[in-house]
Amino acid sequence: QVQFVESGGGLVQPGGSLRLTCVASGNIFSTDTVGWYRQAPGKQRDLVARIQMSGDNIYYVGSVKGRFTISRDNAKKTVYLQMNSLKPEDTAVYYCNYGISPKATWGQGTQVTVSS
């Protein structure tokens, strides 16, 4: 069973940048879609972006379009989320999972805090 491990979060000022890393254990195929999700305190967990491991079919939620970039490195079974122009409303725990049907067990996530 595939598991995902997230890292790269931290505290950053508004307007700053962070790059999150998601490493998959187990078999990930080029037909699989991997997504980044986030959950703010008191809110549900929502999809932020997803990418097919072939590099095709990239999707962003509207609130991050133009600021976040998702990419992947198949050889390393890794998916990245480059986050620029961060805003306080981006503060959340960020998780990765399958991007269409998040069927893997959720990991611990990585905390992103945007604050001055």
PDB file of N, CA and C in Angstrom:
ATOM      1  N   GLN A   1       0.851  -1.190   0.000  1.00  0.00           N
ATOM      2  CA  GLN A   1       0.000   0.000   0.000  1.00  0.00           C
ATOM      3  C   GLN A   1       0.886   1.238   0.000  1.00  0.00           C
ATOM      4  N   VAL A   2       0.540   2.189  -0.853  1.00  0.00           N
ATOM      5  CA  VAL A   2       1.329   3.412  -0.955  1.00  0.00           C
ATOM      6  C   VAL A   2       1.070   4.301   0.254  1.00  0.00           C
ATOM      7  N   GLN A   3       2.145   4.861   0.765  1.00  0.00           N
ATOM      8  CA  GLN A   3       2.045   5.885   1.800  1.00  0.00           C
ATOM      9  C   GLN A   3       2.762   7.130   1.317  1.00  0.00           C
ATOM     10  N   PHE A   4       2.298   8.275   1.779  1.00  0.00           N
ATOM     11  CA  PHE A   4       2.877   9.552   1.393  1.00  0.00           C
ATOM     12  C   PHE A   4       3.427  10.255   2.632  1.00  0.00           C
ATOM     13  N   VAL A   5       4.611  10.842   2.516  1.00  0.00           N
ATOM     14  CA  VAL A   5       5.230  11.575   3.618  1.00  0.00           C
ATOM     15  C   VAL A   5       5.505  13.003   3.158  1.00  0.00           C
ATOM     16  N   GLU A   6       4.961  13.960   3.917  1.00  0.00           N
ATOM     17  CA  GLU A   6       5.067  15.363   3.562  1.00  0.00           C
ATOM     18  C   GLU A   6       6.152  16.053   4.396  1.00  0.00           C
ATOM     19  N   SER A   7       6.780  17.064   3.812  1.00  0.00           N
ATOM     20  CA  SER A   7       7.763  17.869   4.531  1.00  0.00           C
ATOM     21  C   SER A   7       7.897  19.216   3.856  1.00  0.00           C
ATOM     22  N   GLY A   8       8.572  20.134   4.543  1.00  0.00           N
ATOM     23  CA  GLY A   8       8.892  21.414   3.929  1.00  0.00           C
ATOM     24  C   GLY A   8       8.107  22.598   4.456  1.00  0.00           C
ATOM     25  N   GLY A   9       7.175  22.354   5.362  1.00  0.00           N
ATOM     26  CA  GLY A   9       6.394  23.461   5.898  1.00  0.00           C
ATOM     27  C   GLY A   9       7.216  24.344   6.826  1.00  0.00           C
ATOM     28  N   GLY A  10       6.587  25.406   7.295  1.00  0.00           N
ATOM     29  CA  GLY A  10       7.260  26.308   8.211  1.00  0.00           C
ATOM     30  C   GLY A  10       6.489  27.588   8.393  1.00  0.00           C
ATOM     31  N   LEU A  11       7.151  28.533   9.049  1.00  0.00           N
ATOM     32  CA  LEU A  11       6.583  29.858   9.283  1.00  0.00           C
ATOM     33  C   LEU A  11       7.184  30.816   8.264  1.00  0.00           C
ATOM     34  N   VAL A  12       6.330  31.534   7.573  1.00  0.00           N
ATOM     35  CA  VAL A  12       6.804  32.462   6.552  1.00  0.00           C
ATOM     36  C   VAL A  12       5.952  33.726   6.601  1.00  0.00           C
ATOM     37  N   GLN A  13       6.550  34.840   6.235  1.00  0.00           N
ATOM     38  CA  GLN A  13       5.821  36.110   6.214  1.00  0.00           C
ATOM     39  C   GLN A  13       4.950  36.201   4.969  1.00  0.00           C
ATOM     40  N   PRO A  14       3.883  36.978   5.038  1.00  0.00           N
ATOM     41  CA  PRO A  14       3.072  37.190   3.829  1.00  0.00           C
ATOM     42  C   PRO A  14       3.946  37.648   2.663  1.00  0.00           C
ATOM     43  N   GLY A  15       3.677  37.081   1.508  1.00  0.00           N
ATOM     44  CA  GLY A  15       4.486  37.371   0.330  1.00  0.00           C
ATOM     45  C   GLY A  15       5.661  36.437   0.149  1.00  0.00           C
ATOM     46  N   GLY A  16       5.936  35.617   1.137  1.00  0.00           N
ATOM     47  CA  GLY A  16       7.063  34.708   1.072  1.00  0.00           C
ATOM     48  C   GLY A  16       6.767  33.441   0.302  1.00  0.00           C
ATOM     49  N   SER A  17       7.760  32.547   0.281  1.00  0.00           N
ATOM     50  CA  SER A  17       7.655  31.304  -0.491  1.00  0.00           C
ATOM     51  C   SER A  17       8.072  30.107   0.351  1.00  0.00           C
ATOM     52  N   LEU A  18       7.518  28.968  -0.011  1.00  0.00           N
ATOM     53  CA  LEU A  18       7.909  27.685   0.562  1.00  0.00           C
ATOM     54  C   LEU A  18       7.782  26.627  -0.530  1.00  0.00           C
ATOM     55  N   ARG A  19       8.578  25.571  -0.405  1.00  0.00           N
ATOM     56  CA  ARG A  19       8.411  24.422  -1.294  1.00  0.00           C
ATOM     57  C   ARG A  19       8.146  23.194  -0.443  1.00  0.00           C
ATOM     58  N   LEU A  20       7.015  22.577  -0.679  1.00  0.00           N
ATOM     59  CA  LEU A  20       6.643  21.355   0.025  1.00  0.00           C
ATOM     60  C   LEU A  20       7.055  20.140  -0.806  1.00  0.00           C
ATOM     61  N   THR A  21       7.398  19.081  -0.097  1.00  0.00           N
ATOM     62  CA  THR A  21       7.827  17.837  -0.749  1.00  0.00           C
ATOM     63  C   THR A  21       6.974  16.678  -0.259  1.00  0.00           C
ATOM     64  N   CYS A  22       6.555  15.845  -1.175  1.00  0.00           N
ATOM     65  CA  CYS A  22       5.760  14.652  -0.859  1.00  0.00           C
ATOM     66  C   CYS A  22       6.457  13.453  -1.477  1.00  0.00           C
ATOM     67  N   VAL A  23       6.875  12.520  -0.640  1.00  0.00           N
ATOM     68  CA  VAL A  23       7.552  11.319  -1.120  1.00  0.00           C
ATOM     69  C   VAL A  23       6.634  10.123  -0.926  1.00  0.00           C
ATOM     70  N   ALA A  24       6.478   9.348  -1.984  1.00  0.00           N
ATOM     71  CA  ALA A  24       5.616   8.161  -1.941  1.00  0.00           C
ATOM     72  C   ALA A  24       6.443   6.909  -1.730  1.00  0.00           C
ATOM     73  N   SER A  25       5.957   6.043  -0.866  1.00  0.00           N
ATOM     74  CA  SER A  25       6.555   4.715  -0.735  1.00  0.00           C
ATOM     75  C   SER A  25       5.630   3.725  -1.425  1.00  0.00           C
ATOM     76  N   GLY A  26       6.190   2.693  -2.013  1.00  0.00           N
ATOM     77  CA  GLY A  26       5.366   1.758  -2.752  1.00  0.00           C
ATOM     78  C   GLY A  26       5.314   2.140  -4.223  1.00  0.00           C
ATOM     79  N   ASN A  27       4.452   1.485  -4.950  1.00  0.00           N
ATOM     80  CA  ASN A  27       4.392   1.661  -6.394  1.00  0.00           C
ATOM     81  C   ASN A  27       3.503   2.825  -6.789  1.00  0.00           C
ATOM     82  N   ILE A  28       4.104   3.765  -7.483  1.00  0.00           N
ATOM     83  CA  ILE A  28       3.374   4.884  -8.081  1.00  0.00           C
ATOM     84  C   ILE A  28       3.553   4.781  -9.589  1.00  0.00           C
ATOM     85  N   PHE A  29       2.462   4.865 -10.318  1.00  0.00           N
ATOM     86  CA  PHE A  29       2.507   4.680 -11.759  1.00  0.00           C
ATOM     87  C   PHE A  29       2.241   6.001 -12.469  1.00  0.00           C
ATOM     88  N   SER A  30       2.661   6.068 -13.722  1.00  0.00           N
ATOM     89  CA  SER A  30       2.481   7.308 -14.488  1.00  0.00           C
ATOM     90  C   SER A  30       1.006   7.641 -14.683  1.00  0.00           C
ATOM     91  N   THR A  31       0.146   6.678 -14.547  1.00  0.00           N
ATOM     92  CA  THR A  31      -1.290   6.932 -14.667  1.00  0.00           C
ATOM     93  C   THR A  31      -1.923   7.420 -13.365  1.00  0.00           C
ATOM     94  N   ASP A  32      -1.176   7.343 -12.268  1.00  0.00           N
ATOM     95  CA  ASP A  32      -1.699   7.819 -10.980  1.00  0.00           C
ATOM     96  C   ASP A  32      -1.687   9.335 -10.927  1.00  0.00           C
ATOM     97  N   THR A  33      -2.625   9.879 -10.198  1.00  0.00           N
ATOM     98  CA  THR A  33      -2.683  11.315  -9.933  1.00  0.00           C
ATOM     99  C   THR A  33      -2.424  11.534  -8.453  1.00  0.00           C
ATOM    100  N   VAL A  34      -1.523  12.434  -8.142  1.00  0.00           N
ATOM    101  CA  VAL A  34      -1.190  12.774  -6.752  1.00  0.00           C
ATOM    102  C   VAL A  34      -1.559  14.222  -6.508  1.00  0.00           C
ATOM    103  N   GLY A  35      -2.144  14.458  -5.358  1.00  0.00           N
ATOM    104  CA  GLY A  35      -2.600  15.806  -5.058  1.00  0.00           C
ATOM    105  C   GLY A  35      -2.102  16.317  -3.721  1.00  0.00           C
ATOM    106  N   TRP A  36      -2.070  17.626  -3.619  1.00  0.00           N
ATOM    107  CA  TRP A  36      -1.820  18.314  -2.357  1.00  0.00           C
ATOM    108  C   TRP A  36      -3.161  18.813  -1.828  1.00  0.00           C
ATOM    109  N   TYR A  37      -3.381  18.581  -0.545  1.00  0.00           N
ATOM    110  CA  TYR A  37      -4.585  19.006   0.134  1.00  0.00           C
ATOM    111  C   TYR A  37      -4.180  19.889   1.313  1.00  0.00           C
ATOM    112  N   ARG A  38      -5.109  20.669   1.821  1.00  0.00           N
ATOM    113  CA  ARG A  38      -4.823  21.439   3.029  1.00  0.00           C
ATOM    114  C   ARG A  38      -6.053  21.501   3.913  1.00  0.00           C
ATOM    115  N   GLN A  39      -5.762  21.620   5.206  1.00  0.00           N
ATOM    116  CA  GLN A  39      -6.835  21.718   6.191  1.00  0.00           C
ATOM    117  C   GLN A  39      -6.489  22.803   7.190  1.00  0.00           C
ATOM    118  N   ALA A  40      -7.296  23.852   7.199  1.00  0.00           N
ATOM    119  CA  ALA A  40      -7.133  24.937   8.164  1.00  0.00           C
ATOM    120  C   ALA A  40      -7.922  24.584   9.421  1.00  0.00           C
ATOM    121  N   PRO A  41      -7.579  25.185  10.549  1.00  0.00           N
ATOM    122  CA  PRO A  41      -8.283  24.891  11.794  1.00  0.00           C
ATOM    123  C   PRO A  41      -9.791  25.102  11.663  1.00  0.00           C
ATOM    124  N   GLY A  42     -10.560  24.105  12.063  1.00  0.00           N
ATOM    125  CA  GLY A  42     -12.005  24.211  12.026  1.00  0.00           C
ATOM    126  C   GLY A  42     -12.634  24.057  10.660  1.00  0.00           C
ATOM    127  N   LYS A  43     -11.825  23.713   9.660  1.00  0.00           N
ATOM    128  CA  LYS A  43     -12.342  23.590   8.297  1.00  0.00           C
ATOM    129  C   LYS A  43     -12.088  22.183   7.768  1.00  0.00           C
ATOM    130  N   GLN A  44     -12.734  21.844   6.687  1.00  0.00           N
ATOM    131  CA  GLN A  44     -12.535  20.534   6.083  1.00  0.00           C
ATOM    132  C   GLN A  44     -11.254  20.543   5.261  1.00  0.00           C
ATOM    133  N   ARG A  45     -10.794  19.364   4.959  1.00  0.00           N
ATOM    134  CA  ARG A  45      -9.606  19.209   4.132  1.00  0.00           C
ATOM    135  C   ARG A  45     -10.010  19.318   2.657  1.00  0.00           C
ATOM    136  N   ASP A  46      -9.337  20.191   1.940  1.00  0.00           N
ATOM    137  CA  ASP A  46      -9.675  20.460   0.546  1.00  0.00           C
ATOM    138  C   ASP A  46      -8.487  20.234  -0.368  1.00  0.00           C
ATOM    139  N   LEU A  47      -8.774  19.867  -1.591  1.00  0.00           N
ATOM    140  CA  LEU A  47      -7.746  19.726  -2.616  1.00  0.00           C
ATOM    141  C   LEU A  47      -7.219  21.095  -3.018  1.00  0.00           C
ATOM    142  N   VAL A  48      -5.921  21.215  -3.131  1.00  0.00           N
ATOM    143  CA  VAL A  48      -5.274  22.464  -3.554  1.00  0.00           C
ATOM    144  C   VAL A  48      -4.784  22.337  -4.995  1.00  0.00           C
ATOM    145  N   ALA A  49      -4.122  21.239  -5.298  1.00  0.00           N
ATOM    146  CA  ALA A  49      -3.577  21.019  -6.639  1.00  0.00           C
ATOM    147  C   ALA A  49      -3.340  19.528  -6.828  1.00  0.00           C
ATOM    148  N   ARG A  50      -3.323  19.097  -8.075  1.00  0.00           N
ATOM    149  CA  ARG A  50      -3.024  17.696  -8.346  1.00  0.00           C
ATOM    150  C   ARG A  50      -2.346  17.585  -9.708  1.00  0.00           C
ATOM    151  N   ILE A  51      -1.610  16.498  -9.876  1.00  0.00           N
ATOM    152  CA  ILE A  51      -0.865  16.276 -11.107  1.00  0.00           C
ATOM    153  C   ILE A  51      -0.834  14.787 -11.399  1.00  0.00           C
ATOM    154  N   GLN A  52      -1.007  14.449 -12.663  1.00  0.00           N
ATOM    155  CA  GLN A  52      -0.823  13.061 -13.055  1.00  0.00           C
ATOM    156  C   GLN A  52       0.678  12.814 -13.140  1.00  0.00           C
ATOM    157  N   MET A  53       1.130  11.653 -12.713  1.00  0.00           N
ATOM    158  CA  MET A  53       2.563  11.398 -12.630  1.00  0.00           C
ATOM    159  C   MET A  53       3.229  11.357 -14.006  1.00  0.00           C
ATOM    160  N   SER A  54       2.441  11.325 -15.058  1.00  0.00           N
ATOM    161  CA  SER A  54       2.984  11.474 -16.409  1.00  0.00           C
ATOM    162  C   SER A  54       3.335  12.924 -16.709  1.00  0.00           C
ATOM    163  N   GLY A  55       2.870  13.819 -15.848  1.00  0.00           N
ATOM    164  CA  GLY A  55       3.075  15.249 -16.063  1.00  0.00           C
ATOM    165  C   GLY A  55       1.878  15.933 -16.684  1.00  0.00           C
ATOM    166  N   ASP A  56       0.925  15.180 -17.099  1.00  0.00           N
ATOM    167  CA  ASP A  56      -0.282  15.731 -17.704  1.00  0.00           C
ATOM    168  C   ASP A  56      -1.335  16.055 -16.644  1.00  0.00           C
ATOM    169  N   ASN A  57      -2.409  16.651 -17.101  1.00  0.00           N
ATOM    170  CA  ASN A  57      -3.606  16.833 -16.263  1.00  0.00           C
ATOM    171  C   ASN A  57      -3.303  17.490 -14.929  1.00  0.00           C
ATOM    172  N   ILE A  58      -2.824  18.713 -14.985  1.00  0.00           N
ATOM    173  CA  ILE A  58      -2.548  19.503 -13.794  1.00  0.00           C
ATOM    174  C   ILE A  58      -3.776  20.357 -13.478  1.00  0.00           C
ATOM    175  N   TYR A  59      -4.115  20.397 -12.198  1.00  0.00           N
ATOM    176  CA  TYR A  59      -5.266  21.180 -11.730  1.00  0.00           C
ATOM    177  C   TYR A  59      -4.884  21.993 -10.505  1.00  0.00           C
ATOM    178  N   TYR A  60      -5.383  23.226 -10.443  1.00  0.00           N
ATOM    179  CA  TYR A  60      -5.230  24.083  -9.266  1.00  0.00           C
ATOM    180  C   TYR A  60      -6.601  24.604  -8.857  1.00  0.00           C
ATOM    181  N   VAL A  61      -6.818  24.693  -7.567  1.00  0.00           N
ATOM    182  CA  VAL A  61      -8.003  25.390  -7.100  1.00  0.00           C
ATOM    183  C   VAL A  61      -7.816  26.877  -7.387  1.00  0.00           C
ATOM    184  N   GLY A  62      -8.906  27.576  -7.604  1.00  0.00           N
ATOM    185  CA  GLY A  62      -8.811  28.957  -8.049  1.00  0.00           C
ATOM    186  C   GLY A  62      -8.012  29.876  -7.154  1.00  0.00           C
ATOM    187  N   SER A  63      -8.089  29.657  -5.849  1.00  0.00           N
ATOM    188  CA  SER A  63      -7.447  30.570  -4.902  1.00  0.00           C
ATOM    189  C   SER A  63      -5.919  30.506  -4.935  1.00  0.00           C
ATOM    190  N   VAL A  64      -5.349  29.465  -5.555  1.00  0.00           N
ATOM    191  CA  VAL A  64      -3.883  29.344  -5.585  1.00  0.00           C
ATOM    192  C   VAL A  64      -3.335  29.467  -7.007  1.00  0.00           C
ATOM    193  N   LYS A  65      -4.215  29.530  -7.978  1.00  0.00           N
ATOM    194  CA  LYS A  65      -3.778  29.581  -9.380  1.00  0.00           C
ATOM    195  C   LYS A  65      -2.918  30.810  -9.607  1.00  0.00           C
ATOM    196  N   GLY A  66      -1.776  30.604 -10.239  1.00  0.00           N
ATOM    197  CA  GLY A  66      -0.847  31.694 -10.489  1.00  0.00           C
ATOM    198  C   GLY A  66       0.156  31.918  -9.363  1.00  0.00           C
ATOM    199  N   ARG A  67      -0.078  31.308  -8.211  1.00  0.00           N
ATOM    200  CA  ARG A  67       0.846  31.447  -7.071  1.00  0.00           C
ATOM    201  C   ARG A  67       1.542  30.128  -6.730  1.00  0.00           C
ATOM    202  N   PHE A  68       0.856  29.032  -6.894  1.00  0.00           N
ATOM    203  CA  PHE A  68       1.396  27.708  -6.559  1.00  0.00           C
ATOM    204  C   PHE A  68       1.707  26.949  -7.840  1.00  0.00           C
ATOM    205  N   THR A  69       2.757  26.132  -7.782  1.00  0.00           N
ATOM    206  CA  THR A  69       3.114  25.271  -8.910  1.00  0.00           C
ATOM    207  C   THR A  69       3.369  23.862  -8.406  1.00  0.00           C
ATOM    208  N   ILE A  70       2.678  22.907  -8.988  1.00  0.00           N
ATOM    209  CA  ILE A  70       2.880  21.503  -8.638  1.00  0.00           C
ATOM    210  C   ILE A  70       3.755  20.857  -9.703  1.00  0.00           C
ATOM    211  N   SER A  71       4.659  20.004  -9.250  1.00  0.00           N
ATOM    212  CA  SER A  71       5.542  19.300 -10.185  1.00  0.00           C
ATOM    213  C   SER A  71       5.876  17.927  -9.606  1.00  0.00           C
ATOM    214  N   ARG A  72       6.515  17.112 -10.423  1.00  0.00           N
ATOM    215  CA  ARG A  72       6.829  15.761  -9.928  1.00  0.00           C
ATOM    216  C   ARG A  72       8.166  15.295 -10.472  1.00  0.00           C
ATOM    217  N   ASP A  73       8.760  14.341  -9.747  1.00  0.00           N
ATOM    218  CA  ASP A  73       9.988  13.667 -10.171  1.00  0.00           C
ATOM    219  C   ASP A  73       9.702  12.182 -10.032  1.00  0.00           C
ATOM    220  N   ASN A  74       9.404  11.534 -11.159  1.00  0.00           N
ATOM    221  CA  ASN A  74       8.997  10.128 -11.100  1.00  0.00           C
ATOM    222  C   ASN A  74      10.092   9.236 -10.536  1.00  0.00           C
ATOM    223  N   ALA A  75      11.330   9.506 -10.888  1.00  0.00           N
ATOM    224  CA  ALA A  75      12.423   8.650 -10.424  1.00  0.00           C
ATOM    225  C   ALA A  75      12.520   8.659  -8.908  1.00  0.00           C
ATOM    226  N   LYS A  76      12.184   9.788  -8.305  1.00  0.00           N
ATOM    227  CA  LYS A  76      12.242   9.908  -6.847  1.00  0.00           C
ATOM    228  C   LYS A  76      10.883   9.661  -6.203  1.00  0.00           C
ATOM    229  N   LYS A  77       9.863   9.368  -7.016  1.00  0.00           N
ATOM    230  CA  LYS A  77       8.500   9.164  -6.522  1.00  0.00           C
ATOM    231  C   LYS A  77       8.105  10.337  -5.625  1.00  0.00           C
ATOM    232  N   THR A  78       8.365  11.529  -6.111  1.00  0.00           N
ATOM    233  CA  THR A  78       8.190  12.749  -5.322  1.00  0.00           C
ATOM    234  C   THR A  78       7.341  13.756  -6.077  1.00  0.00           C
ATOM    235  N   VAL A  79       6.470  14.424  -5.324  1.00  0.00           N
ATOM    236  CA  VAL A  79       5.661  15.517  -5.863  1.00  0.00           C
ATOM    237  C   VAL A  79       5.948  16.760  -5.032  1.00  0.00           C
ATOM    238  N   TYR A  80       6.161  17.867  -5.713  1.00  0.00           N
ATOM    239  CA  TYR A  80       6.493  19.129  -5.055  1.00  0.00           C
ATOM    240  C   TYR A  80       5.331  20.108  -5.181  1.00  0.00           C
ATOM    241  N   LEU A  81       5.276  21.016  -4.220  1.00  0.00           N
ATOM    242  CA  LEU A  81       4.348  22.148  -4.329  1.00  0.00           C
ATOM    243  C   LEU A  81       5.132  23.409  -4.009  1.00  0.00           C
ATOM    244  N   GLN A  82       5.431  24.167  -5.045  1.00  0.00           N
ATOM    245  CA  GLN A  82       6.094  25.454  -4.874  1.00  0.00           C
ATOM    246  C   GLN A  82       5.024  26.504  -4.605  1.00  0.00           C
ATOM    247  N   MET A  83       5.139  27.162  -3.472  1.00  0.00           N
ATOM    248  CA  MET A  83       4.128  28.138  -3.062  1.00  0.00           C
ATOM    249  C   MET A  83       4.776  29.516  -2.976  1.00  0.00           C
ATOM    250  N   ASN A  84       4.332  30.425  -3.809  1.00  0.00           N
ATOM    251  CA  ASN A  84       4.841  31.797  -3.829  1.00  0.00           C
ATOM    252  C   ASN A  84       3.728  32.767  -3.436  1.00  0.00           C
ATOM    253  N   SER A  85       4.124  33.979  -3.121  1.00  0.00           N
ATOM    254  CA  SER A  85       3.157  35.029  -2.758  1.00  0.00           C
ATOM    255  C   SER A  85       2.168  34.523  -1.720  1.00  0.00           C
ATOM    256  N   LEU A  86       2.704  33.914  -0.693  1.00  0.00           N
ATOM    257  CA  LEU A  86       1.840  33.312   0.320  1.00  0.00           C
ATOM    258  C   LEU A  86       1.034  34.356   1.072  1.00  0.00           C
ATOM    259  N   LYS A  87      -0.179  33.959   1.435  1.00  0.00           N
ATOM    260  CA  LYS A  87      -1.114  34.824   2.138  1.00  0.00           C
ATOM    261  C   LYS A  87      -1.489  34.185   3.483  1.00  0.00           C
ATOM    262  N   PRO A  88      -1.924  34.972   4.439  1.00  0.00           N
ATOM    263  CA  PRO A  88      -2.342  34.395   5.724  1.00  0.00           C
ATOM    264  C   PRO A  88      -3.399  33.304   5.559  1.00  0.00           C
ATOM    265  N   GLU A  89      -4.260  33.443   4.570  1.00  0.00           N
ATOM    266  CA  GLU A  89      -5.304  32.427   4.368  1.00  0.00           C
ATOM    267  C   GLU A  89      -4.771  31.114   3.809  1.00  0.00           C
ATOM    268  N   ASP A  90      -3.505  31.052   3.475  1.00  0.00           N
ATOM    269  CA  ASP A  90      -2.878  29.793   3.075  1.00  0.00           C
ATOM    270  C   ASP A  90      -2.440  28.970   4.288  1.00  0.00           C
ATOM    271  N   THR A  91      -2.555  29.556   5.467  1.00  0.00           N
ATOM    272  CA  THR A  91      -2.167  28.842   6.680  1.00  0.00           C
ATOM    273  C   THR A  91      -3.021  27.594   6.859  1.00  0.00           C
ATOM    274  N   ALA A  92      -2.357  26.449   6.994  1.00  0.00           N
ATOM    275  CA  ALA A  92      -3.053  25.166   7.101  1.00  0.00           C
ATOM    276  C   ALA A  92      -2.027  24.065   7.280  1.00  0.00           C
ATOM    277  N   VAL A  93      -2.523  22.870   7.578  1.00  0.00           N
ATOM    278  CA  VAL A  93      -1.697  21.670   7.471  1.00  0.00           C
ATOM    279  C   VAL A  93      -1.879  21.128   6.059  1.00  0.00           C
ATOM    280  N   TYR A  94      -0.761  20.887   5.391  1.00  0.00           N
ATOM    281  CA  TYR A  94      -0.789  20.423   4.004  1.00  0.00           C
ATOM    282  C   TYR A  94      -0.481  18.926   3.970  1.00  0.00           C
ATOM    283  N   TYR A  95      -1.279  18.210   3.208  1.00  0.00           N
ATOM    284  CA  TYR A  95      -1.158  16.767   3.070  1.00  0.00           C
ATOM    285  C   TYR A  95      -1.055  16.402   1.596  1.00  0.00           C
ATOM    286  N   CYS A  96      -0.502  15.229   1.327  1.00  0.00           N
ATOM    287  CA  CYS A  96      -0.620  14.708  -0.033  1.00  0.00           C
ATOM    288  C   CYS A  96      -1.247  13.321   0.002  1.00  0.00           C
ATOM    289  N   ASN A  97      -1.851  12.971  -1.094  1.00  0.00           N
ATOM    290  CA  ASN A  97      -2.578  11.719  -1.225  1.00  0.00           C
ATOM    291  C   ASN A  97      -2.876  11.551  -2.706  1.00  0.00           C
ATOM    292  N   TYR A  98      -3.534  10.456  -3.071  1.00  0.00           N
ATOM    293  CA  TYR A  98      -3.973  10.333  -4.443  1.00  0.00           C
ATOM    294  C   TYR A  98      -4.884  11.525  -4.760  1.00  0.00           C
ATOM    295  N   GLY A  99      -4.793  12.004  -5.975  1.00  0.00           N
ATOM    296  CA  GLY A  99      -5.449  13.256  -6.310  1.00  0.00           C
ATOM    297  C   GLY A  99      -6.883  13.143  -6.791  1.00  0.00           C
ATOM    298  N   ILE A 100      -7.332  11.973  -7.149  1.00  0.00           N
ATOM    299  CA  ILE A 100      -8.702  11.796  -7.604  1.00  0.00           C
ATOM    300  C   ILE A 100      -9.553  11.203  -6.481  1.00  0.00           C
ATOM    301  N   SER A 101      -9.092  10.109  -5.930  1.00  0.00           N
ATOM    302  CA  SER A 101      -9.745   9.459  -4.793  1.00  0.00           C
ATOM    303  C   SER A 101      -8.673   9.218  -3.736  1.00  0.00           C
ATOM    304  N   PRO A 102      -8.659  10.043  -2.688  1.00  0.00           N
ATOM    305  CA  PRO A 102      -7.568   9.958  -1.698  1.00  0.00           C
ATOM    306  C   PRO A 102      -7.681   8.713  -0.824  1.00  0.00           C
ATOM    307  N   LYS A 103      -7.296   7.577  -1.373  1.00  0.00           N
ATOM    308  CA  LYS A 103      -7.521   6.289  -0.721  1.00  0.00           C
ATOM    309  C   LYS A 103      -6.392   5.859   0.200  1.00  0.00           C
ATOM    310  N   ALA A 104      -5.255   6.566   0.155  1.00  0.00           N
ATOM    311  CA  ALA A 104      -4.159   6.211   1.063  1.00  0.00           C
ATOM    312  C   ALA A 104      -4.465   6.716   2.469  1.00  0.00           C
ATOM    313  N   THR A 105      -3.855   6.078   3.463  1.00  0.00           N
ATOM    314  CA  THR A 105      -3.972   6.578   4.832  1.00  0.00           C
ATOM    315  C   THR A 105      -3.317   7.949   4.914  1.00  0.00           C
ATOM    316  N   TRP A 106      -4.009   8.875   5.526  1.00  0.00           N
ATOM    317  CA  TRP A 106      -3.454  10.227   5.618  1.00  0.00           C
ATOM    318  C   TRP A 106      -2.223  10.247   6.516  1.00  0.00           C
ATOM    319  N   GLY A 107      -1.195  10.960   6.088  1.00  0.00           N
ATOM    320  CA  GLY A 107      -0.003  11.141   6.886  1.00  0.00           C
ATOM    321  C   GLY A 107      -0.182  12.257   7.897  1.00  0.00           C
ATOM    322  N   GLN A 108       0.926  12.659   8.489  1.00  0.00           N
ATOM    323  CA  GLN A 108       0.858  13.709   9.506  1.00  0.00           C
ATOM    324  C   GLN A 108       0.752  15.101   8.898  1.00  0.00           C
ATOM    325  N   GLY A 109       1.098  15.213   7.643  1.00  0.00           N
ATOM    326  CA  GLY A 109       1.048  16.518   7.008  1.00  0.00           C
ATOM    327  C   GLY A 109       2.215  17.392   7.428  1.00  0.00           C
ATOM    328  N   THR A 110       2.244  18.579   6.870  1.00  0.00           N
ATOM    329  CA  THR A 110       3.271  19.559   7.214  1.00  0.00           C
ATOM    330  C   THR A 110       2.598  20.915   7.405  1.00  0.00           C
ATOM    331  N   GLN A 111       2.921  21.556   8.515  1.00  0.00           N
ATOM    332  CA  GLN A 111       2.254  22.804   8.888  1.00  0.00           C
ATOM    333  C   GLN A 111       2.854  23.974   8.119  1.00  0.00           C
ATOM    334  N   VAL A 112       1.998  24.768   7.511  1.00  0.00           N
ATOM    335  CA  VAL A 112       2.390  26.017   6.866  1.00  0.00           C
ATOM    336  C   VAL A 112       1.679  27.155   7.595  1.00  0.00           C
ATOM    337  N   THR A 113       2.457  28.082   8.097  1.00  0.00           N
ATOM    338  CA  THR A 113       1.902  29.238   8.801  1.00  0.00           C
ATOM    339  C   THR A 113       2.403  30.507   8.125  1.00  0.00           C
ATOM    340  N   VAL A 114       1.475  31.325   7.683  1.00  0.00           N
ATOM    341  CA  VAL A 114       1.818  32.584   7.021  1.00  0.00           C
ATOM    342  C   VAL A 114       1.386  33.714   7.945  1.00  0.00           C
ATOM    343  N   SER A 115       2.362  34.376   8.502  1.00  0.00           N
ATOM    344  CA  SER A 115       2.070  35.410   9.494  1.00  0.00           C
ATOM    345  C   SER A 115       3.239  36.370   9.594  1.00  0.00           C
ATOM    346  N   SER A 116       2.908  37.627   9.889  1.00  0.00           N
ATOM    347  CA  SER A 116       3.966  38.610  10.115  1.00  0.00           C
ATOM    348  C   SER A 116       4.286  38.701  11.597  1.00  0.00           C
TER     349      SER A 116
END
